[in-house]
Amino acid sequence: TPEVKAYPNPTSGILTIKTKKIRKEAILNVVNPMGNTVMSIEIESMMTEIDISSQPSGIYYIQIIDDKNTRMCKIIKN
């Protein structure tokens, strides 16, 4: 089972991100194919909604980073 799920995938903008467990002060990053972080927010729950509609179409990576782990999943923006 993946550690991070994002849906709907592909998306036109609004994404729901689910992760199994989260420690305090986790960071959610949206990273473009060049490795640049285009969005970064602090998250405190296992389900978060983000809006990437302002980003160009393409492949992005969702990273969730806490003090123990970095978890990732790939998404496609229409």
PDB file of N, CA and C in Angstrom:
ATOM      1  N   THR A   1       0.849  -1.194   0.000  1.00  0.00           N
ATOM      2  CA  THR A   1       0.000   0.000   0.000  1.00  0.00           C
ATOM      3  C   THR A   1       0.883   1.241   0.000  1.00  0.00           C
ATOM      4  N   PRO A   2       0.607   2.188  -0.883  1.00  0.00           N
ATOM      5  CA  PRO A   2       1.439   3.388  -0.916  1.00  0.00           C
ATOM      6  C   PRO A   2       1.318   4.209   0.362  1.00  0.00           C
ATOM      7  N   GLU A   3       2.406   4.837   0.740  1.00  0.00           N
ATOM      8  CA  GLU A   3       2.428   5.689   1.930  1.00  0.00           C
ATOM      9  C   GLU A   3       1.665   6.990   1.708  1.00  0.00           C
ATOM     10  N   VAL A   4       1.641   7.462   0.465  1.00  0.00           N
ATOM     11  CA  VAL A   4       0.958   8.710   0.136  1.00  0.00           C
ATOM     12  C   VAL A   4       0.060   8.455  -1.064  1.00  0.00           C
ATOM     13  N   LYS A   5      -1.188   8.900  -0.985  1.00  0.00           N
ATOM     14  CA  LYS A   5      -2.113   8.799  -2.115  1.00  0.00           C
ATOM     15  C   LYS A   5      -2.610  10.203  -2.432  1.00  0.00           C
ATOM     16  N   ALA A   6      -2.750  10.489  -3.715  1.00  0.00           N
ATOM     17  CA  ALA A   6      -3.284  11.775  -4.169  1.00  0.00           C
ATOM     18  C   ALA A   6      -4.382  11.488  -5.178  1.00  0.00           C
ATOM     19  N   TYR A   7      -5.515  12.134  -5.020  1.00  0.00           N
ATOM     20  CA  TYR A   7      -6.606  11.925  -5.969  1.00  0.00           C
ATOM     21  C   TYR A   7      -7.446  13.173  -6.075  1.00  0.00           C
ATOM     22  N   PRO A   8      -8.140  13.405  -7.210  1.00  0.00           N
ATOM     23  CA  PRO A   8      -8.048  12.590  -8.426  1.00  0.00           C
ATOM     24  C   PRO A   8      -6.694  12.769  -9.097  1.00  0.00           C
ATOM     25  N   ASN A   9      -6.239  11.744  -9.764  1.00  0.00           N
ATOM     26  CA  ASN A   9      -4.947  11.777 -10.438  1.00  0.00           C
ATOM     27  C   ASN A   9      -5.109  11.059 -11.771  1.00  0.00           C
ATOM     28  N   PRO A  10      -5.056  11.770 -12.900  1.00  0.00           N
ATOM     29  CA  PRO A  10      -4.680  13.170 -13.117  1.00  0.00           C
ATOM     30  C   PRO A  10      -5.707  14.156 -12.525  1.00  0.00           C
ATOM     31  N   THR A  11      -5.242  15.379 -12.293  1.00  0.00           N
ATOM     32  CA  THR A  11      -6.059  16.419 -11.684  1.00  0.00           C
ATOM     33  C   THR A  11      -6.047  17.674 -12.537  1.00  0.00           C
ATOM     34  N   SER A  12      -7.084  18.482 -12.379  1.00  0.00           N
ATOM     35  CA  SER A  12      -7.071  19.805 -13.023  1.00  0.00           C
ATOM     36  C   SER A  12      -6.706  20.875 -12.006  1.00  0.00           C
ATOM     37  N   GLY A  13      -6.592  20.501 -10.736  1.00  0.00           N
ATOM     38  CA  GLY A  13      -6.176  21.511  -9.769  1.00  0.00           C
ATOM     39  C   GLY A  13      -6.337  21.123  -8.317  1.00  0.00           C
ATOM     40  N   ILE A  14      -7.566  20.749  -7.901  1.00  0.00           N
ATOM     41  CA  ILE A  14      -7.802  20.430  -6.491  1.00  0.00           C
ATOM     42  C   ILE A  14      -7.454  18.962  -6.252  1.00  0.00           C
ATOM     43  N   LEU A  15      -6.562  18.735  -5.292  1.00  0.00           N
ATOM     44  CA  LEU A  15      -6.097  17.387  -4.970  1.00  0.00           C
ATOM     45  C   LEU A  15      -6.333  17.100  -3.499  1.00  0.00           C
ATOM     46  N   THR A  16      -6.747  15.890  -3.203  1.00  0.00           N
ATOM     47  CA  THR A  16      -6.795  15.425  -1.818  1.00  0.00           C
ATOM     48  C   THR A  16      -5.589  14.517  -1.619  1.00  0.00           C
ATOM     49  N   ILE A  17      -4.813  14.806  -0.581  1.00  0.00           N
ATOM     50  CA  ILE A  17      -3.607  14.043  -0.264  1.00  0.00           C
ATOM     51  C   ILE A  17      -3.879  13.275   1.019  1.00  0.00           C
ATOM     52  N   LYS A  18      -3.664  11.952   0.979  1.00  0.00           N
ATOM     53  CA  LYS A  18      -3.832  11.115   2.167  1.00  0.00           C
ATOM     54  C   LYS A  18      -2.514  10.426   2.469  1.00  0.00           C
ATOM     55  N   THR A  19      -2.174  10.362   3.741  1.00  0.00           N
ATOM     56  CA  THR A  19      -0.993   9.637   4.168  1.00  0.00           C
ATOM     57  C   THR A  19      -1.350   8.782   5.371  1.00  0.00           C
ATOM     58  N   LYS A  20      -0.581   7.746   5.625  1.00  0.00           N
ATOM     59  CA  LYS A  20      -0.942   6.794   6.685  1.00  0.00           C
ATOM     60  C   LYS A  20      -0.832   7.389   8.068  1.00  0.00           C
ATOM     61  N   LYS A  21       0.348   7.816   8.438  1.00  0.00           N
ATOM     62  CA  LYS A  21       0.478   8.458   9.731  1.00  0.00           C
ATOM     63  C   LYS A  21       1.377   9.654   9.581  1.00  0.00           C
ATOM     64  N   ILE A  22       1.196  10.575  10.482  1.00  0.00           N
ATOM     65  CA  ILE A  22       1.917  11.827  10.352  1.00  0.00           C
ATOM     66  C   ILE A  22       2.407  12.248  11.723  1.00  0.00           C
ATOM     67  N   ARG A  23       3.580  12.785  11.749  1.00  0.00           N
ATOM     68  CA  ARG A  23       4.115  13.333  12.992  1.00  0.00           C
ATOM     69  C   ARG A  23       3.873  14.836  12.988  1.00  0.00           C
ATOM     70  N   LYS A  24       3.987  15.411  14.143  1.00  0.00           N
ATOM     71  CA  LYS A  24       3.796  16.862  14.232  1.00  0.00           C
ATOM     72  C   LYS A  24       4.758  17.592  13.309  1.00  0.00           C
ATOM     73  N   GLU A  25       4.295  18.710  12.793  1.00  0.00           N
ATOM     74  CA  GLU A  25       5.115  19.589  11.967  1.00  0.00           C
ATOM     75  C   GLU A  25       5.634  18.912  10.701  1.00  0.00           C
ATOM     76  N   ALA A  26       4.784  18.185  10.053  1.00  0.00           N
ATOM     77  CA  ALA A  26       5.146  17.614   8.757  1.00  0.00           C
ATOM     78  C   ALA A  26       4.986  18.692   7.684  1.00  0.00           C
ATOM     79  N   ILE A  27       5.789  18.584   6.637  1.00  0.00           N
ATOM     80  CA  ILE A  27       5.746  19.527   5.519  1.00  0.00           C
ATOM     81  C   ILE A  27       5.289  18.766   4.278  1.00  0.00           C
ATOM     82  N   LEU A  28       4.373  19.373   3.535  1.00  0.00           N
ATOM     83  CA  LEU A  28       3.955  18.834   2.247  1.00  0.00           C
ATOM     84  C   LEU A  28       4.523  19.753   1.180  1.00  0.00           C
ATOM     85  N   ASN A  29       5.329  19.194   0.292  1.00  0.00           N
ATOM     86  CA  ASN A  29       5.897  19.940  -0.835  1.00  0.00           C
ATOM     87  C   ASN A  29       5.316  19.415  -2.140  1.00  0.00           C
ATOM     88  N   VAL A  30       5.087  20.326  -3.073  1.00  0.00           N
ATOM     89  CA  VAL A  30       4.769  19.961  -4.449  1.00  0.00           C
ATOM     90  C   VAL A  30       6.003  20.338  -5.261  1.00  0.00           C
ATOM     91  N   VAL A  31       6.588  19.336  -5.934  1.00  0.00           N
ATOM     92  CA  VAL A  31       7.867  19.518  -6.629  1.00  0.00           C
ATOM     93  C   VAL A  31       7.640  19.292  -8.117  1.00  0.00           C
ATOM     94  N   ASN A  32       8.165  20.209  -8.942  1.00  0.00           N
ATOM     95  CA  ASN A  32       8.013  20.071 -10.397  1.00  0.00           C
ATOM     96  C   ASN A  32       9.113  19.169 -10.957  1.00  0.00           C
ATOM     97  N   PRO A  33       9.053  18.818 -12.252  1.00  0.00           N
ATOM     98  CA  PRO A  33      10.037  17.881 -12.815  1.00  0.00           C
ATOM     99  C   PRO A  33      11.482  18.383 -12.766  1.00  0.00           C
ATOM    100  N   MET A  34      11.681  19.701 -12.645  1.00  0.00           N
ATOM    101  CA  MET A  34      13.045  20.230 -12.552  1.00  0.00           C
ATOM    102  C   MET A  34      13.583  20.157 -11.125  1.00  0.00           C
ATOM    103  N   GLY A  35      12.755  19.689 -10.204  1.00  0.00           N
ATOM    104  CA  GLY A  35      13.193  19.575  -8.814  1.00  0.00           C
ATOM    105  C   GLY A  35      12.901  20.810  -7.985  1.00  0.00           C
ATOM    106  N   ASN A  36      12.177  21.777  -8.546  1.00  0.00           N
ATOM    107  CA  ASN A  36      11.850  22.997  -7.806  1.00  0.00           C
ATOM    108  C   ASN A  36      10.573  22.800  -6.992  1.00  0.00           C
ATOM    109  N   THR A  37      10.581  23.257  -5.754  1.00  0.00           N
ATOM    110  CA  THR A  37       9.382  23.215  -4.926  1.00  0.00           C
ATOM    111  C   THR A  37       8.482  24.369  -5.331  1.00  0.00           C
ATOM    112  N   VAL A  38       7.274  24.054  -5.813  1.00  0.00           N
ATOM    113  CA  VAL A  38       6.343  25.088  -6.279  1.00  0.00           C
ATOM    114  C   VAL A  38       5.283  25.414  -5.234  1.00  0.00           C
ATOM    115  N   MET A  39       5.169  24.576  -4.197  1.00  0.00           N
ATOM    116  CA  MET A  39       4.253  24.829  -3.093  1.00  0.00           C
ATOM    117  C   MET A  39       4.782  24.089  -1.883  1.00  0.00           C
ATOM    118  N   SER A  40       4.667  24.703  -0.720  1.00  0.00           N
ATOM    119  CA  SER A  40       5.115  24.075   0.511  1.00  0.00           C
ATOM    120  C   SER A  40       4.186  24.523   1.629  1.00  0.00           C
ATOM    121  N   ILE A  41       3.573  23.557   2.316  1.00  0.00           N
ATOM    122  CA  ILE A  41       2.689  23.895   3.428  1.00  0.00           C
ATOM    123  C   ILE A  41       2.956  22.959   4.600  1.00  0.00           C
ATOM    124  N   GLU A  42       2.666  23.429   5.811  1.00  0.00           N
ATOM    125  CA  GLU A  42       2.724  22.572   6.984  1.00  0.00           C
ATOM    126  C   GLU A  42       1.411  21.833   7.090  1.00  0.00           C
ATOM    127  N   ILE A  43       1.469  20.560   7.398  1.00  0.00           N
ATOM    128  CA  ILE A  43       0.236  19.785   7.560  1.00  0.00           C
ATOM    129  C   ILE A  43       0.222  19.127   8.931  1.00  0.00           C
ATOM    130  N   GLU A  44      -0.984  18.946   9.447  1.00  0.00           N
ATOM    131  CA  GLU A  44      -1.136  18.350  10.771  1.00  0.00           C
ATOM    132  C   GLU A  44      -2.112  17.191  10.779  1.00  0.00           C
ATOM    133  N   SER A  45      -2.708  16.882   9.622  1.00  0.00           N
ATOM    134  CA  SER A  45      -3.647  15.765   9.599  1.00  0.00           C
ATOM    135  C   SER A  45      -3.281  14.808   8.478  1.00  0.00           C
ATOM    136  N   MET A  46      -3.878  13.625   8.515  1.00  0.00           N
ATOM    137  CA  MET A  46      -3.557  12.596   7.531  1.00  0.00           C
ATOM    138  C   MET A  46      -4.262  12.828   6.201  1.00  0.00           C
ATOM    139  N   MET A  47      -5.170  13.824   6.132  1.00  0.00           N
ATOM    140  CA  MET A  47      -5.834  14.155   4.877  1.00  0.00           C
ATOM    141  C   MET A  47      -5.774  15.675   4.696  1.00  0.00           C
ATOM    142  N   THR A  48      -5.272  16.099   3.538  1.00  0.00           N
ATOM    143  CA  THR A  48      -5.100  17.510   3.247  1.00  0.00           C
ATOM    144  C   THR A  48      -5.560  17.772   1.826  1.00  0.00           C
ATOM    145  N   GLU A  49      -6.164  18.929   1.598  1.00  0.00           N
ATOM    146  CA  GLU A  49      -6.562  19.319   0.250  1.00  0.00           C
ATOM    147  C   GLU A  49      -5.673  20.476  -0.198  1.00  0.00           C
ATOM    148  N   ILE A  50      -5.172  20.384  -1.423  1.00  0.00           N
ATOM    149  CA  ILE A  50      -4.359  21.469  -1.984  1.00  0.00           C
ATOM    150  C   ILE A  50      -4.906  21.842  -3.355  1.00  0.00           C
ATOM    151  N   ASP A  51      -4.527  23.019  -3.819  1.00  0.00           N
ATOM    152  CA  ASP A  51      -4.956  23.510  -5.128  1.00  0.00           C
ATOM    153  C   ASP A  51      -3.719  23.854  -5.950  1.00  0.00           C
ATOM    154  N   ILE A  52      -3.493  23.098  -7.017  1.00  0.00           N
ATOM    155  CA  ILE A  52      -2.345  23.370  -7.886  1.00  0.00           C
ATOM    156  C   ILE A  52      -2.810  23.876  -9.250  1.00  0.00           C
ATOM    157  N   SER A  53      -4.031  24.432  -9.302  1.00  0.00           N
ATOM    158  CA  SER A  53      -4.576  24.871 -10.587  1.00  0.00           C
ATOM    159  C   SER A  53      -3.752  25.983 -11.226  1.00  0.00           C
ATOM    160  N   SER A  54      -2.986  26.734 -10.431  1.00  0.00           N
ATOM    161  CA  SER A  54      -2.156  27.809 -11.000  1.00  0.00           C
ATOM    162  C   SER A  54      -0.869  27.282 -11.637  1.00  0.00           C
ATOM    163  N   GLN A  55      -0.562  26.001 -11.462  1.00  0.00           N
ATOM    164  CA  GLN A  55       0.659  25.415 -12.018  1.00  0.00           C
ATOM    165  C   GLN A  55       0.420  24.943 -13.449  1.00  0.00           C
ATOM    166  N   PRO A  56       1.463  24.976 -14.294  1.00  0.00           N
ATOM    167  CA  PRO A  56       1.309  24.462 -15.655  1.00  0.00           C
ATOM    168  C   PRO A  56       1.069  22.953 -15.662  1.00  0.00           C
ATOM    169  N   SER A  57       0.515  22.464 -16.752  1.00  0.00           N
ATOM    170  CA  SER A  57       0.292  21.024 -16.905  1.00  0.00           C
ATOM    171  C   SER A  57       1.616  20.276 -16.872  1.00  0.00           C
ATOM    172  N   GLY A  58       1.578  19.063 -16.367  1.00  0.00           N
ATOM    173  CA  GLY A  58       2.786  18.250 -16.348  1.00  0.00           C
ATOM    174  C   GLY A  58       2.798  17.294 -15.170  1.00  0.00           C
ATOM    175  N   ILE A  59       3.957  16.724 -14.922  1.00  0.00           N
ATOM    176  CA  ILE A  59       4.149  15.766 -13.837  1.00  0.00           C
ATOM    177  C   ILE A  59       4.698  16.511 -12.624  1.00  0.00           C
ATOM    178  N   TYR A  60       4.161  16.174 -11.469  1.00  0.00           N
ATOM    179  CA  TYR A  60       4.621  16.748 -10.203  1.00  0.00           C
ATOM    180  C   TYR A  60       4.776  15.620  -9.197  1.00  0.00           C
ATOM    181  N   TYR A  61       5.529  15.897  -8.153  1.00  0.00           N
ATOM    182  CA  TYR A  61       5.718  14.942  -7.072  1.00  0.00           C
ATOM    183  C   TYR A  61       5.232  15.576  -5.780  1.00  0.00           C
ATOM    184  N   ILE A  62       4.458  14.807  -5.029  1.00  0.00           N
ATOM    185  CA  ILE A  62       4.032  15.226  -3.705  1.00  0.00           C
ATOM    186  C   ILE A  62       5.014  14.600  -2.723  1.00  0.00           C
ATOM    187  N   GLN A  63       5.625  15.422  -1.895  1.00  0.00           N
ATOM    188  CA  GLN A  63       6.546  14.939  -0.852  1.00  0.00           C
ATOM    189  C   GLN A  63       5.936  15.277   0.494  1.00  0.00           C
ATOM    190  N   ILE A  64       5.938  14.318   1.399  1.00  0.00           N
ATOM    191  CA  ILE A  64       5.575  14.603   2.779  1.00  0.00           C
ATOM    192  C   ILE A  64       6.803  14.283   3.620  1.00  0.00           C
ATOM    193  N   ILE A  65       7.275  15.297   4.329  1.00  0.00           N
ATOM    194  CA  ILE A  65       8.522  15.184   5.083  1.00  0.00           C
ATOM    195  C   ILE A  65       8.208  15.433   6.555  1.00  0.00           C
ATOM    196  N   ASP A  66       8.599  14.481   7.407  1.00  0.00           N
ATOM    197  CA  ASP A  66       8.540  14.735   8.843  1.00  0.00           C
ATOM    198  C   ASP A  66       9.895  14.362   9.431  1.00  0.00           C
ATOM    199  N   ASP A  67       9.986  14.336  10.745  1.00  0.00           N
ATOM    200  CA  ASP A  67      11.301  14.115  11.362  1.00  0.00           C
ATOM    201  C   ASP A  67      11.846  12.714  11.123  1.00  0.00           C
ATOM    202  N   LYS A  68      11.019  11.772  10.674  1.00  0.00           N
ATOM    203  CA  LYS A  68      11.475  10.393  10.479  1.00  0.00           C
ATOM    204  C   LYS A  68      11.570   9.981   9.017  1.00  0.00           C
ATOM    205  N   ASN A  69      10.692  10.492   8.161  1.00  0.00           N
ATOM    206  CA  ASN A  69      10.568   9.959   6.809  1.00  0.00           C
ATOM    207  C   ASN A  69      10.348  11.042   5.771  1.00  0.00           C
ATOM    208  N   THR A  70      10.639  10.670   4.524  1.00  0.00           N
ATOM    209  CA  THR A  70      10.161  11.413   3.365  1.00  0.00           C
ATOM    210  C   THR A  70       9.371  10.428   2.526  1.00  0.00           C
ATOM    211  N   ARG A  71       8.101  10.759   2.263  1.00  0.00           N
ATOM    212  CA  ARG A  71       7.247   9.904   1.444  1.00  0.00           C
ATOM    213  C   ARG A  71       6.858  10.681   0.203  1.00  0.00           C
ATOM    214  N   MET A  72       6.705   9.982  -0.921  1.00  0.00           N
ATOM    215  CA  MET A  72       6.421  10.658  -2.184  1.00  0.00           C
ATOM    216  C   MET A  72       5.384   9.907  -3.001  1.00  0.00           C
ATOM    217  N   CYS A  73       4.700  10.668  -3.853  1.00  0.00           N
ATOM    218  CA  CYS A  73       3.897  10.069  -4.912  1.00  0.00           C
ATOM    219  C   CYS A  73       3.915  11.011  -6.120  1.00  0.00           C
ATOM    220  N   LYS A  74       3.645  10.450  -7.281  1.00  0.00           N
ATOM    221  CA  LYS A  74       3.664  11.207  -8.534  1.00  0.00           C
ATOM    222  C   LYS A  74       2.240  11.563  -8.911  1.00  0.00           C
ATOM    223  N   ILE A  75       2.040  12.797  -9.385  1.00  0.00           N
ATOM    224  CA  ILE A  75       0.731  13.210  -9.882  1.00  0.00           C
ATOM    225  C   ILE A  75       0.888  13.833 -11.264  1.00  0.00           C
ATOM    226  N   ILE A  76      -0.216  13.863 -11.971  1.00  0.00           N
ATOM    227  CA  ILE A  76      -0.244  14.491 -13.302  1.00  0.00           C
ATOM    228  C   ILE A  76      -1.263  15.612 -13.265  1.00  0.00           C
ATOM    229  N   LYS A  77      -0.831  16.799 -13.660  1.00  0.00           N
ATOM    230  CA  LYS A  77      -1.704  17.969 -13.730  1.00  0.00           C
ATOM    231  C   LYS A  77      -2.117  18.155 -15.185  1.00  0.00           C
ATOM    232  N   ASN A  78      -3.436  18.140 -15.455  1.00  0.00           N
ATOM    233  CA  ASN A  78      -3.958  18.332 -16.811  1.00  0.00           C
ATOM    234  C   ASN A  78      -3.799  19.782 -17.251  1.00  0.00           C
TER     235      ASN A  78
END
